[in-house]
N, C-alpha and C. Protein backbone atom coordinates (compact mmCIF):
# COMPACT_ATOMS: atom_id res chain seq x y z
N MET A 1 105.31 -28.44 97.70
CA MET A 1 104.19 -29.04 97.41
C MET A 1 104.44 -29.19 95.57
N PRO A 2 104.41 -30.28 95.29
CA PRO A 2 104.76 -30.51 93.93
C PRO A 2 103.48 -30.35 93.08
N LEU A 3 103.40 -28.96 93.28
CA LEU A 3 102.25 -28.35 91.83
C LEU A 3 102.63 -27.10 91.40
N PHE A 4 103.10 -26.92 90.02
CA PHE A 4 103.73 -25.94 89.61
C PHE A 4 102.71 -25.10 88.55
N LEU A 5 103.17 -23.83 88.52
CA LEU A 5 102.85 -22.78 87.26
C LEU A 5 103.89 -23.28 86.01
N PHE A 6 102.82 -22.90 84.89
CA PHE A 6 104.23 -23.13 83.66
C PHE A 6 103.02 -22.55 82.46
N ASP A 7 103.64 -22.41 81.46
CA ASP A 7 103.11 -21.78 79.97
C ASP A 7 104.29 -22.77 78.79
N VAL A 8 103.20 -22.80 77.85
CA VAL A 8 103.94 -23.18 76.62
C VAL A 8 103.72 -22.19 75.59
N PHE A 9 104.82 -21.41 74.73
CA PHE A 9 104.85 -20.73 74.17
C PHE A 9 104.12 -19.11 74.55
N GLY A 10 104.49 -18.92 75.92
CA GLY A 10 103.61 -17.78 76.37
C GLY A 10 102.24 -18.04 76.62
N ASN A 11 101.42 -19.20 76.56
CA ASN A 11 100.31 -19.23 76.74
C ASN A 11 99.76 -20.33 77.51
N ALA A 12 99.19 -19.90 78.37
CA ALA A 12 98.74 -20.99 79.77
C ALA A 12 97.91 -22.19 79.53
N SER A 13 97.35 -22.05 78.02
CA SER A 13 96.70 -23.67 77.88
C SER A 13 97.64 -24.59 77.52
N ILE A 14 98.64 -25.01 78.39
CA ILE A 14 99.43 -26.02 78.44
C ILE A 14 99.00 -27.44 78.19
N GLY A 15 98.05 -27.47 78.47
CA GLY A 15 97.16 -29.09 78.13
C GLY A 15 96.74 -29.25 76.72
N VAL A 16 96.76 -28.13 75.93
CA VAL A 16 96.31 -28.08 74.52
C VAL A 16 97.45 -28.69 73.86
N TYR A 17 98.84 -27.96 74.30
CA TYR A 17 100.18 -28.36 73.51
C TYR A 17 100.84 -29.68 74.08
N SER A 18 100.62 -30.05 75.43
CA SER A 18 101.01 -31.45 75.99
C SER A 18 100.59 -32.22 76.54
N LEU A 19 101.06 -33.41 76.70
CA LEU A 19 100.44 -34.43 77.28
C LEU A 19 101.12 -35.09 78.48
N VAL A 20 100.94 -35.91 79.39
CA VAL A 20 101.59 -36.58 80.34
C VAL A 20 101.13 -37.08 81.18
N ASN A 21 102.02 -38.89 81.39
CA ASN A 21 101.37 -39.94 81.97
C ASN A 21 102.43 -40.36 83.03
N ASP A 22 102.28 -41.52 83.70
CA ASP A 22 103.42 -41.48 84.69
C ASP A 22 104.74 -41.77 84.07
N ARG A 23 105.07 -42.04 82.86
CA ARG A 23 106.17 -42.38 82.03
C ARG A 23 107.06 -41.64 81.27
N ILE A 24 106.07 -40.88 80.35
CA ILE A 24 106.48 -39.65 79.64
C ILE A 24 105.82 -38.49 79.55
N ALA A 25 106.34 -37.65 79.00
CA ALA A 25 105.60 -36.18 78.62
C ALA A 25 105.65 -35.89 77.12
N ILE A 26 104.81 -35.62 76.20
CA ILE A 26 104.72 -35.27 75.08
C ILE A 26 104.88 -33.94 75.05
N VAL A 27 105.91 -32.95 74.55
CA VAL A 27 105.81 -31.35 74.21
C VAL A 27 106.05 -31.16 72.55
N PRO A 28 105.98 -30.13 72.11
CA PRO A 28 106.09 -29.75 70.63
C PRO A 28 107.55 -29.55 71.03
N PRO A 29 108.35 -29.81 70.28
CA PRO A 29 109.74 -29.48 69.69
C PRO A 29 110.36 -28.38 70.14
N GLN A 30 109.51 -27.34 69.71
CA GLN A 30 109.74 -26.01 70.19
C GLN A 30 109.81 -25.26 71.26
N VAL A 31 109.40 -26.16 72.34
CA VAL A 31 109.77 -25.86 73.40
C VAL A 31 110.71 -26.07 73.81
N PRO A 32 111.63 -25.01 74.49
CA PRO A 32 113.20 -24.74 74.92
C PRO A 32 113.55 -26.01 75.63
N GLU A 33 114.46 -26.33 75.69
CA GLU A 33 115.39 -27.51 76.66
C GLU A 33 115.05 -27.58 78.04
N ASN A 34 115.77 -25.86 78.57
CA ASN A 34 115.59 -25.82 80.21
C ASN A 34 114.05 -26.11 80.45
N LYS A 35 113.15 -25.86 79.50
CA LYS A 35 111.25 -26.19 80.14
C LYS A 35 111.32 -27.49 80.08
N ARG A 36 111.74 -28.06 79.06
CA ARG A 36 111.70 -29.96 79.32
C ARG A 36 112.30 -30.36 80.42
N GLN A 37 113.20 -29.79 80.68
CA GLN A 37 113.71 -30.52 81.99
C GLN A 37 113.61 -30.15 82.92
N LYS A 38 112.47 -29.05 83.18
CA LYS A 38 111.76 -28.59 84.15
C LYS A 38 110.40 -29.69 84.65
N VAL A 39 109.79 -30.35 83.17
CA VAL A 39 108.51 -30.77 83.18
C VAL A 39 109.26 -32.32 83.99
N GLU A 40 110.45 -32.84 83.27
CA GLU A 40 111.24 -34.00 83.93
C GLU A 40 111.34 -34.33 85.28
N GLU A 41 111.85 -33.00 86.01
CA GLU A 41 112.11 -32.55 87.11
C GLU A 41 110.83 -32.87 87.89
N TRP A 42 110.22 -32.24 87.63
CA TRP A 42 108.72 -31.83 88.32
C TRP A 42 107.86 -33.23 88.16
N LEU A 43 107.55 -33.76 87.06
CA LEU A 43 106.56 -34.84 87.06
C LEU A 43 107.19 -36.39 87.02
N LYS A 44 108.86 -36.17 86.75
CA LYS A 44 109.83 -37.42 87.20
C LYS A 44 109.23 -38.32 85.69
N VAL A 45 109.20 -37.78 85.05
CA VAL A 45 108.88 -38.17 83.20
C VAL A 45 110.22 -38.04 82.44
N LYS A 46 110.29 -39.25 81.39
CA LYS A 46 110.87 -38.68 80.27
C LYS A 46 110.09 -37.63 79.05
N VAL A 47 110.72 -36.72 78.47
CA VAL A 47 110.02 -35.87 77.57
C VAL A 47 110.42 -36.31 76.22
N VAL A 48 109.18 -36.39 75.31
CA VAL A 48 109.45 -36.73 74.09
C VAL A 48 109.09 -35.30 73.57
N ALA A 49 110.05 -34.74 72.56
CA ALA A 49 109.88 -33.63 71.80
C ALA A 49 109.74 -33.98 70.50
N THR A 50 108.10 -33.83 70.23
CA THR A 50 107.79 -34.27 69.11
C THR A 50 106.43 -33.73 68.82
N THR A 51 106.00 -33.42 67.15
CA THR A 51 104.63 -33.17 66.73
C THR A 51 103.55 -34.12 66.83
N VAL A 52 102.43 -33.93 66.81
CA VAL A 52 101.61 -34.95 66.23
C VAL A 52 100.73 -34.52 65.33
N GLY A 53 100.93 -35.35 64.23
CA GLY A 53 100.67 -35.45 62.89
C GLY A 53 100.57 -34.02 62.05
N LYS A 54 102.36 -33.54 62.92
CA LYS A 54 103.05 -32.34 62.14
C LYS A 54 101.84 -31.08 63.02
N SER A 55 101.59 -31.52 63.82
CA SER A 55 100.91 -30.24 64.67
C SER A 55 101.71 -29.81 65.67
N LEU A 56 101.56 -28.54 66.50
CA LEU A 56 101.78 -28.56 67.78
C LEU A 56 100.89 -28.70 68.91
N VAL A 57 99.66 -29.10 68.51
CA VAL A 57 98.53 -29.23 69.50
C VAL A 57 98.10 -30.86 70.12
N THR A 58 99.24 -31.04 70.61
CA THR A 58 99.50 -32.65 70.95
C THR A 58 98.49 -33.22 71.86
N GLY A 59 98.22 -31.93 72.75
CA GLY A 59 97.31 -32.57 74.23
C GLY A 59 95.71 -32.53 73.44
N ALA A 60 95.29 -32.08 72.15
CA ALA A 60 94.36 -31.83 71.66
C ALA A 60 93.91 -33.01 70.81
N LEU A 61 94.93 -33.90 70.19
CA LEU A 61 95.25 -34.47 69.31
C LEU A 61 95.60 -36.03 69.67
N ALA A 62 96.28 -35.96 70.86
CA ALA A 62 96.32 -37.37 71.43
C ALA A 62 96.48 -37.87 72.89
N CYS A 63 95.94 -39.14 73.23
CA CYS A 63 95.50 -38.97 74.63
C CYS A 63 96.46 -40.53 75.13
N SER A 64 96.69 -40.67 76.51
CA SER A 64 97.75 -41.63 77.00
C SER A 64 97.30 -41.59 78.12
N ASN A 65 97.89 -42.77 78.86
CA ASN A 65 98.59 -43.43 80.21
C ASN A 65 99.21 -43.76 80.33
N SER A 66 100.12 -44.97 81.00
CA SER A 66 101.22 -45.46 81.16
C SER A 66 101.15 -46.34 80.06
N ASN A 67 100.46 -47.13 79.72
CA ASN A 67 100.49 -48.51 79.19
C ASN A 67 100.45 -47.93 77.13
N GLY A 68 100.03 -46.78 76.65
CA GLY A 68 100.37 -46.38 75.68
C GLY A 68 99.62 -44.79 75.31
N VAL A 69 99.42 -44.97 73.84
CA VAL A 69 99.48 -43.54 73.50
C VAL A 69 98.38 -43.87 72.43
N ILE A 70 97.34 -43.01 72.15
CA ILE A 70 96.54 -43.09 70.96
C ILE A 70 96.87 -42.05 70.34
N LEU A 71 97.42 -41.65 68.70
CA LEU A 71 97.36 -40.79 67.79
C LEU A 71 96.24 -40.72 66.53
N PRO A 72 95.94 -39.69 66.33
CA PRO A 72 94.99 -39.14 65.31
C PRO A 72 95.54 -39.83 64.07
N PRO A 73 94.78 -40.10 62.85
CA PRO A 73 94.93 -41.08 61.63
C PRO A 73 95.95 -40.25 60.77
N PHE A 74 96.33 -38.80 60.96
CA PHE A 74 97.10 -38.57 60.45
C PHE A 74 98.70 -38.55 61.09
N ALA A 75 99.03 -38.80 62.05
CA ALA A 75 100.47 -38.91 62.98
C ALA A 75 101.16 -39.76 61.65
N THR A 76 102.23 -39.18 62.19
CA THR A 76 103.43 -39.98 61.33
C THR A 76 104.06 -41.31 61.68
N GLU A 77 105.23 -42.11 61.18
CA GLU A 77 105.81 -43.13 61.58
C GLU A 77 107.16 -42.41 62.31
N GLU A 78 107.22 -41.36 61.88
CA GLU A 78 108.55 -40.66 62.47
C GLU A 78 107.97 -40.28 63.89
N GLU A 79 106.73 -39.93 64.19
CA GLU A 79 105.93 -39.55 65.53
C GLU A 79 106.35 -40.62 66.54
N VAL A 80 105.68 -41.74 65.97
CA VAL A 80 105.60 -42.69 66.57
C VAL A 80 106.91 -43.42 67.04
N ALA A 81 108.18 -43.36 66.16
CA ALA A 81 109.09 -43.94 66.74
C ALA A 81 109.68 -42.89 67.68
N ALA A 82 109.77 -41.79 67.50
CA ALA A 82 110.00 -41.04 68.20
C ALA A 82 109.37 -41.40 69.88
N ILE A 83 108.10 -41.28 69.79
CA ILE A 83 107.23 -41.77 71.35
C ILE A 83 107.94 -43.09 71.93
N LYS A 84 108.31 -43.99 71.04
CA LYS A 84 108.47 -45.69 71.53
C LYS A 84 110.10 -45.42 72.16
N SER A 85 110.96 -44.41 71.42
CA SER A 85 112.18 -44.21 71.53
C SER A 85 112.59 -43.79 73.28
N ALA A 86 111.31 -43.19 73.56
CA ALA A 86 111.14 -42.74 75.03
C ALA A 86 111.24 -43.94 76.17
N ALA A 87 109.97 -44.55 75.38
CA ALA A 87 109.55 -45.68 76.61
C ALA A 87 109.04 -46.88 75.77
N ASP A 88 109.27 -48.05 76.36
CA ASP A 88 108.42 -49.37 75.80
C ASP A 88 106.88 -49.21 76.01
N ILE A 89 106.47 -48.64 75.15
CA ILE A 89 104.76 -48.41 75.45
C ILE A 89 104.13 -48.39 74.28
N ASN A 90 102.76 -49.04 73.94
CA ASN A 90 102.02 -48.95 72.83
C ASN A 90 101.59 -48.02 72.54
N VAL A 91 101.70 -47.40 70.98
CA VAL A 91 101.44 -46.68 70.34
C VAL A 91 100.63 -46.91 69.11
N THR A 92 99.18 -46.59 69.25
CA THR A 92 98.20 -46.82 67.85
C THR A 92 97.72 -45.40 67.25
N ILE A 93 97.88 -45.61 65.92
CA ILE A 93 97.40 -44.87 65.13
C ILE A 93 95.89 -45.05 64.98
N MET A 94 94.84 -44.32 65.17
CA MET A 94 93.44 -44.21 64.89
C MET A 94 93.15 -44.36 63.15
N ASP A 95 92.63 -45.23 62.87
CA ASP A 95 91.91 -45.33 61.48
C ASP A 95 90.50 -44.56 61.09
N THR A 96 90.53 -43.46 61.37
CA THR A 96 88.84 -43.29 61.45
C THR A 96 89.07 -41.40 61.06
N LYS A 97 87.70 -40.99 61.23
CA LYS A 97 87.62 -40.00 60.76
C LYS A 97 87.55 -38.81 61.49
N LYS A 98 87.95 -38.95 62.77
CA LYS A 98 88.08 -38.26 63.80
C LYS A 98 89.55 -37.98 64.54
N THR A 99 89.48 -36.85 65.14
CA THR A 99 90.96 -36.43 64.82
C THR A 99 91.64 -36.04 66.46
N ALA A 100 90.70 -35.53 67.23
CA ALA A 100 90.82 -34.81 68.39
C ALA A 100 90.86 -35.75 69.63
N TYR A 101 91.58 -37.11 69.45
CA TYR A 101 91.82 -38.14 70.87
C TYR A 101 91.56 -37.49 71.80
N GLY A 102 92.69 -36.35 72.18
CA GLY A 102 92.92 -36.10 73.45
C GLY A 102 91.88 -35.33 74.34
N ASN A 103 91.02 -34.48 73.18
CA ASN A 103 89.65 -34.40 73.69
C ASN A 103 88.39 -35.00 73.77
N MET A 104 88.65 -36.29 73.64
CA MET A 104 87.36 -37.41 73.47
C MET A 104 87.88 -38.43 74.61
N VAL A 105 88.82 -38.63 74.73
CA VAL A 105 89.01 -39.70 75.69
C VAL A 105 89.83 -39.07 77.17
N LEU A 106 89.66 -39.68 78.59
CA LEU A 106 90.00 -39.44 79.65
C LEU A 106 90.53 -40.65 80.19
N ALA A 107 91.94 -40.64 80.40
CA ALA A 107 92.23 -41.94 81.27
C ALA A 107 93.20 -41.47 82.06
N ASN A 108 93.52 -42.83 82.77
CA ASN A 108 94.47 -43.26 83.85
C ASN A 108 94.67 -44.69 83.27
N ASP A 109 95.95 -45.03 84.49
CA ASP A 109 96.17 -46.69 84.42
C ASP A 109 95.01 -47.68 84.71
N LYS A 110 94.14 -47.27 85.30
CA LYS A 110 92.95 -47.83 86.02
C LYS A 110 91.56 -48.20 85.27
N GLY A 111 91.61 -47.05 84.05
CA GLY A 111 90.51 -47.02 83.33
C GLY A 111 90.36 -45.80 82.48
N ALA A 112 89.42 -45.69 81.64
CA ALA A 112 89.40 -44.79 80.23
C ALA A 112 87.70 -44.24 80.46
N VAL A 113 87.43 -43.20 80.32
CA VAL A 113 85.92 -43.02 79.59
C VAL A 113 86.26 -42.25 78.33
N ALA A 114 85.04 -42.03 77.51
CA ALA A 114 85.03 -42.00 76.03
C ALA A 114 84.30 -40.90 75.74
N ASP A 115 84.41 -40.05 74.65
CA ASP A 115 82.88 -39.73 74.06
C ASP A 115 82.17 -40.23 73.57
N PRO A 116 80.67 -40.43 74.06
CA PRO A 116 79.47 -41.39 73.52
C PRO A 116 79.33 -41.37 71.71
N GLY A 117 80.41 -40.35 71.05
CA GLY A 117 80.23 -40.57 69.74
C GLY A 117 81.01 -41.43 69.33
N LEU A 118 82.04 -42.04 69.83
CA LEU A 118 83.10 -42.69 69.46
C LEU A 118 82.23 -44.44 69.29
N LYS A 119 82.86 -45.17 68.19
CA LYS A 119 82.26 -46.17 67.84
C LYS A 119 82.87 -47.39 68.84
N LYS A 120 81.83 -48.51 68.50
CA LYS A 120 82.28 -49.47 69.68
C LYS A 120 84.01 -50.08 69.26
N ARG A 121 83.77 -50.29 67.97
CA ARG A 121 85.44 -50.91 67.64
C ARG A 121 86.44 -50.03 67.92
N ASP A 122 86.03 -48.61 67.90
CA ASP A 122 86.93 -47.29 67.89
C ASP A 122 87.59 -47.30 69.83
N ARG A 123 86.35 -47.91 70.63
CA ARG A 123 86.53 -47.75 72.05
C ARG A 123 87.44 -49.16 72.26
N ASP A 124 86.78 -50.30 71.77
CA ASP A 124 87.91 -51.22 72.15
C ASP A 124 89.35 -51.17 71.67
N LYS A 125 89.65 -50.50 70.48
CA LYS A 125 90.79 -50.54 70.05
C LYS A 125 91.82 -49.46 70.99
N ILE A 126 91.05 -48.71 71.49
CA ILE A 126 91.61 -47.75 72.36
C ILE A 126 91.95 -48.71 73.95
N GLY A 127 91.03 -49.18 74.15
CA GLY A 127 91.34 -49.84 75.18
C GLY A 127 92.62 -51.01 75.25
N ASP A 128 92.43 -51.69 74.16
CA ASP A 128 93.49 -52.70 74.12
C ASP A 128 94.86 -51.86 74.27
N THR A 129 94.79 -50.94 73.43
CA THR A 129 96.35 -50.11 73.55
C THR A 129 96.53 -49.62 74.97
N LEU A 130 95.78 -49.03 76.13
CA LEU A 130 95.81 -48.36 76.73
C LEU A 130 95.68 -49.76 78.22
N GLY A 131 95.32 -50.72 77.33
CA GLY A 131 95.13 -51.75 78.64
C GLY A 131 94.36 -51.64 79.68
N VAL A 132 92.95 -50.90 79.51
CA VAL A 132 92.41 -50.61 80.24
C VAL A 132 90.53 -51.09 79.61
N GLU A 133 89.93 -50.95 80.59
CA GLU A 133 88.30 -50.82 80.41
C GLU A 133 88.09 -49.58 79.53
N VAL A 134 87.19 -49.20 78.71
CA VAL A 134 86.66 -48.02 78.12
C VAL A 134 85.09 -47.88 77.91
N VAL A 135 84.43 -46.90 79.04
CA VAL A 135 83.24 -46.58 79.21
C VAL A 135 82.86 -45.21 78.39
N SER A 136 81.64 -45.48 78.09
CA SER A 136 81.42 -44.10 77.46
C SER A 136 80.37 -43.10 78.46
N ASN A 137 80.48 -41.60 78.49
CA ASN A 137 79.95 -41.26 79.16
C ASN A 137 80.02 -39.48 79.12
N GLU A 138 79.32 -38.78 79.48
CA GLU A 138 79.42 -37.12 79.16
C GLU A 138 80.28 -36.42 80.75
N ILE A 139 80.37 -35.01 80.82
CA ILE A 139 80.59 -34.62 81.61
C ILE A 139 80.27 -33.24 81.80
N ALA A 140 79.62 -32.66 82.77
CA ALA A 140 78.36 -31.76 82.69
C ALA A 140 77.81 -31.42 81.22
N GLY A 141 77.44 -33.22 80.77
CA GLY A 141 76.27 -32.94 79.63
C GLY A 141 77.17 -32.46 78.32
N LEU A 142 78.34 -32.44 78.53
CA LEU A 142 79.21 -32.36 77.22
C LEU A 142 80.34 -33.63 76.82
N PRO A 143 79.81 -34.25 75.54
CA PRO A 143 81.07 -35.21 75.00
C PRO A 143 82.27 -35.41 75.02
N TYR A 144 82.69 -34.23 75.05
CA TYR A 144 84.29 -34.17 74.96
C TYR A 144 84.80 -34.28 76.25
N VAL A 145 84.79 -35.41 76.80
CA VAL A 145 85.41 -35.80 78.12
C VAL A 145 86.95 -35.22 78.40
N GLY A 146 87.68 -35.58 77.22
CA GLY A 146 89.02 -35.47 77.55
C GLY A 146 89.51 -34.12 77.82
N SER A 147 88.98 -33.24 77.73
CA SER A 147 88.99 -31.76 77.55
C SER A 147 88.33 -30.84 78.87
N LEU A 148 87.61 -31.82 79.67
CA LEU A 148 86.81 -31.73 80.88
C LEU A 148 87.12 -31.70 81.65
N ALA A 149 88.15 -32.69 81.70
CA ALA A 149 89.17 -33.29 83.27
C ALA A 149 90.38 -33.58 82.98
N THR A 150 91.22 -33.92 84.01
CA THR A 150 92.40 -34.38 83.87
C THR A 150 92.18 -35.04 84.77
N ALA A 151 92.78 -36.61 84.32
CA ALA A 151 92.93 -37.89 85.35
C ALA A 151 94.30 -38.30 85.85
N THR A 152 94.52 -38.73 87.04
CA THR A 152 96.10 -39.29 87.54
C THR A 152 95.39 -40.66 87.91
N ASN A 153 96.59 -41.48 88.60
CA ASN A 153 96.26 -42.85 89.18
C ASN A 153 95.86 -42.20 90.71
N LYS A 154 95.65 -40.71 91.30
CA LYS A 154 95.39 -40.31 92.43
C LYS A 154 94.23 -39.75 92.66
N GLY A 155 93.45 -39.46 91.22
CA GLY A 155 92.27 -38.34 91.51
C GLY A 155 91.97 -37.60 90.15
N VAL A 156 90.63 -37.33 90.21
CA VAL A 156 90.24 -36.41 88.91
C VAL A 156 90.07 -35.05 89.26
N LEU A 157 90.37 -34.20 88.06
CA LEU A 157 89.82 -33.01 88.61
C LEU A 157 88.90 -32.55 87.42
N ALA A 158 87.46 -32.45 87.47
CA ALA A 158 86.51 -31.93 86.22
C ALA A 158 85.84 -31.16 86.50
N HIS A 159 85.40 -30.70 85.43
CA HIS A 159 84.25 -29.34 85.18
C HIS A 159 83.37 -29.26 86.27
N PRO A 160 83.36 -28.01 86.66
CA PRO A 160 82.59 -27.56 88.02
C PRO A 160 81.10 -27.95 87.65
N MET A 161 80.49 -28.42 86.47
CA MET A 161 79.40 -28.67 86.26
C MET A 161 78.85 -30.22 86.18
N LEU A 162 79.78 -30.85 86.51
CA LEU A 162 79.69 -32.27 87.04
C LEU A 162 78.47 -32.98 87.57
N ARG A 163 77.69 -33.60 87.09
CA ARG A 163 76.73 -33.98 87.86
C ARG A 163 76.79 -35.04 88.58
N GLU A 164 76.17 -35.57 89.47
CA GLU A 164 76.48 -36.28 90.06
C GLU A 164 76.54 -37.87 89.42
N ASP A 165 75.33 -38.27 88.87
CA ASP A 165 75.65 -39.63 88.05
C ASP A 165 76.58 -39.72 87.07
N GLU A 166 77.14 -38.65 86.51
CA GLU A 166 78.41 -38.62 85.92
C GLU A 166 79.46 -38.86 86.86
N ARG A 167 79.55 -38.10 87.75
CA ARG A 167 80.90 -38.35 88.91
C ARG A 167 81.03 -39.62 89.41
N LYS A 168 79.70 -40.58 89.54
CA LYS A 168 79.43 -41.96 89.61
C LYS A 168 80.07 -42.59 88.74
N VAL A 169 79.66 -42.64 87.41
CA VAL A 169 80.27 -43.13 86.39
C VAL A 169 82.08 -43.10 86.45
N LEU A 170 82.67 -42.02 86.31
CA LEU A 170 83.95 -41.58 86.53
C LEU A 170 84.58 -42.08 87.37
N GLU A 171 84.12 -42.38 88.63
CA GLU A 171 84.92 -42.56 89.63
C GLU A 171 84.89 -44.33 89.79
N ASN A 172 83.80 -44.77 89.10
CA ASN A 172 84.03 -46.51 88.65
C ASN A 172 84.99 -46.78 88.04
N ALA A 173 84.55 -45.69 86.70
CA ALA A 173 85.67 -46.33 85.63
C ALA A 173 87.37 -46.19 85.84
N LEU A 174 87.27 -45.16 86.57
CA LEU A 174 88.67 -44.62 87.10
C LEU A 174 89.29 -44.96 88.31
N LYS A 175 88.42 -45.31 88.88
CA LYS A 175 88.89 -46.34 90.23
C LYS A 175 89.90 -44.88 91.06
N VAL A 176 89.10 -43.54 91.28
CA VAL A 176 89.71 -43.11 91.81
C VAL A 176 88.87 -41.82 91.98
N PRO A 177 88.93 -40.86 93.33
CA PRO A 177 88.12 -39.95 93.43
C PRO A 177 87.93 -38.84 93.01
N VAL A 178 86.73 -38.22 92.88
CA VAL A 178 86.53 -37.29 91.79
C VAL A 178 86.21 -36.26 92.38
N ASP A 179 86.74 -34.84 91.67
CA ASP A 179 86.15 -33.26 92.47
C ASP A 179 86.19 -32.73 91.10
N VAL A 180 85.86 -31.35 91.69
CA VAL A 180 85.80 -30.57 90.42
C VAL A 180 86.46 -29.32 90.75
N GLY A 181 86.62 -28.36 89.68
CA GLY A 181 87.37 -27.37 89.74
C GLY A 181 87.63 -26.51 88.26
N THR A 182 88.14 -25.31 88.28
CA THR A 182 88.71 -24.77 87.47
C THR A 182 90.10 -24.39 87.56
N ILE A 183 90.40 -24.02 86.32
CA ILE A 183 92.05 -23.79 86.04
C ILE A 183 92.04 -22.23 85.37
N ASN A 184 93.23 -21.41 85.33
CA ASN A 184 93.54 -20.31 84.63
C ASN A 184 92.81 -19.12 84.91
N CYS A 185 92.43 -19.03 86.05
CA CYS A 185 91.26 -18.05 86.41
C CYS A 185 89.90 -18.25 85.75
N GLY A 186 89.53 -19.64 85.89
CA GLY A 186 87.85 -19.90 86.13
C GLY A 186 87.76 -20.71 84.84
N ILE A 187 88.37 -20.91 84.20
CA ILE A 187 88.44 -21.77 82.73
C ILE A 187 87.54 -23.40 83.46
N PRO A 188 86.67 -23.51 82.79
CA PRO A 188 86.13 -24.68 83.43
C PRO A 188 86.66 -26.13 82.55
N TYR A 189 87.17 -25.98 81.36
CA TYR A 189 87.79 -26.91 80.33
C TYR A 189 89.17 -27.56 81.22
N VAL A 190 89.14 -28.28 82.25
CA VAL A 190 90.24 -28.47 83.05
C VAL A 190 91.58 -28.76 82.27
N ALA A 191 91.37 -29.90 81.58
CA ALA A 191 92.42 -30.39 80.87
C ALA A 191 93.30 -29.41 79.67
N THR A 192 92.90 -28.23 79.35
CA THR A 192 93.19 -27.29 78.37
C THR A 192 94.51 -26.87 79.04
N GLY A 193 94.28 -26.71 80.83
CA GLY A 193 95.32 -26.07 81.41
C GLY A 193 95.89 -26.85 82.47
N LEU A 194 95.86 -28.04 82.52
CA LEU A 194 96.56 -28.91 83.64
C LEU A 194 96.92 -30.11 83.34
N LEU A 195 98.18 -30.53 83.48
CA LEU A 195 98.93 -31.84 83.07
C LEU A 195 98.80 -32.42 84.62
N GLY A 196 98.99 -33.49 84.81
CA GLY A 196 99.39 -34.41 85.88
C GLY A 196 99.39 -35.77 85.98
N ASN A 197 100.12 -36.44 87.14
CA ASN A 197 100.33 -37.60 86.91
C ASN A 197 100.53 -38.22 88.44
N SER A 198 100.88 -39.31 88.77
CA SER A 198 101.05 -39.56 90.22
C SER A 198 102.32 -38.90 90.92
N TYR A 199 102.70 -37.99 90.29
CA TYR A 199 103.97 -37.69 90.71
C TYR A 199 104.03 -36.11 91.20
N GLY A 200 102.84 -35.65 90.47
CA GLY A 200 102.64 -34.02 90.47
C GLY A 200 101.74 -33.47 89.73
N ALA A 201 101.86 -32.37 89.71
CA ALA A 201 100.89 -31.59 88.48
C ALA A 201 101.58 -30.20 88.12
N VAL A 202 101.00 -29.96 86.91
CA VAL A 202 101.45 -28.61 86.31
C VAL A 202 100.50 -27.83 85.65
N ALA A 203 100.11 -26.89 86.45
CA ALA A 203 99.05 -25.68 86.24
C ALA A 203 99.53 -24.74 84.99
N GLY A 204 98.47 -24.01 84.22
CA GLY A 204 99.06 -22.56 83.41
C GLY A 204 99.21 -21.76 84.53
N PHE A 205 99.81 -21.15 84.17
CA PHE A 205 100.14 -19.87 84.75
C PHE A 205 99.49 -18.84 85.53
N LEU A 206 98.33 -18.85 85.01
CA LEU A 206 97.12 -18.09 85.17
C LEU A 206 96.27 -18.72 86.21
N THR A 207 96.62 -19.74 86.73
CA THR A 207 95.75 -20.56 87.72
C THR A 207 95.85 -19.44 89.06
N THR A 208 95.31 -19.56 89.37
CA THR A 208 94.81 -18.80 90.95
C THR A 208 95.33 -19.63 92.11
N GLY A 209 95.54 -18.98 93.43
CA GLY A 209 96.03 -19.55 94.41
C GLY A 209 94.84 -20.99 95.15
N PRO A 210 93.30 -20.01 94.94
CA PRO A 210 92.49 -20.95 95.66
C PRO A 210 92.30 -22.36 94.46
N GLU A 211 92.57 -21.92 93.04
CA GLU A 211 92.63 -22.90 91.95
C GLU A 211 93.63 -23.88 92.57
N MET A 212 94.77 -23.70 92.96
CA MET A 212 95.82 -24.66 92.56
C MET A 212 95.31 -25.30 94.11
N PHE A 213 95.06 -24.76 95.12
CA PHE A 213 94.24 -25.21 96.25
C PHE A 213 93.68 -26.85 96.09
N ILE A 214 92.18 -26.17 95.24
CA ILE A 214 91.74 -27.39 94.76
C ILE A 214 92.40 -28.48 94.21
N ILE A 215 93.31 -28.09 92.92
CA ILE A 215 93.97 -28.86 92.38
C ILE A 215 94.80 -29.73 92.87
N GLY A 216 95.68 -29.60 94.24
CA GLY A 216 96.64 -30.34 95.02
C GLY A 216 95.47 -31.44 95.58
N GLN A 217 94.28 -30.95 96.31
CA GLN A 217 93.70 -32.00 96.75
C GLN A 217 93.12 -32.66 96.05
N ALA A 218 92.44 -32.63 94.94
CA ALA A 218 92.03 -33.37 94.03
C ALA A 218 92.71 -34.62 93.02
N LEU A 219 93.92 -34.07 93.06
CA LEU A 219 94.95 -34.68 92.62
C LEU A 219 95.68 -35.52 93.49
N ASP A 220 96.14 -35.09 94.93
CA ASP A 220 96.44 -35.53 95.51
C ASP A 220 98.38 -35.37 95.60
N VAL A 221 98.16 -34.36 95.31
CA VAL A 221 99.71 -33.92 94.74
C VAL A 221 100.28 -32.83 96.11
N VAL A 222 99.85 -32.85 97.23
CA VAL A 222 100.17 -31.84 98.19
C VAL A 222 100.79 -32.92 99.45
N LYS A 223 101.78 -32.40 99.95
CA LYS A 223 102.58 -33.44 100.65
C LYS A 223 102.15 -33.24 102.08
């Protein structure tokens, strides 16, 4: 079963520090080489070891799909170059006061859902970079959709308090089935402890067996 447990810096909140799509994963440079190799093997991606805005919380600050990466306004050109050296991919540094794009945008290669607080021009810029249509919506009545769900090209796992009307928006926007669950022994902010793509998923090491079962079903990573 291509579903694995992992930690970053001994922390189960692996999605705060890392992000992944079907082509690359971005992790802090301090992650040891042997751990980077595991991510490459498990998720069949090229690992980019870089900060984002000189910060380690990559997953909170950046969002991506296989077409592009969205970075906060204080990201550096060196970080952009590091990402582009791993893949021929669009990289956009946003010119706004907002910074935590990983928390504000949920995306796969088929669509994206954004925090309703993002302005239309910013949604359009994100859509152009990721090559998808971006719609506004909440999850569990909360705006920071990027932290409340993990999306791949096979499925979505979202906060357990997801409302039915929200589920329909997610399914229409991302064009995959949507399920609900938790990670790391009951944490509902799914993306903080779960990385996934079309090839597999990696969860925080505190994730329980029943949670792993639901993750496997939701993201269709069970052989």
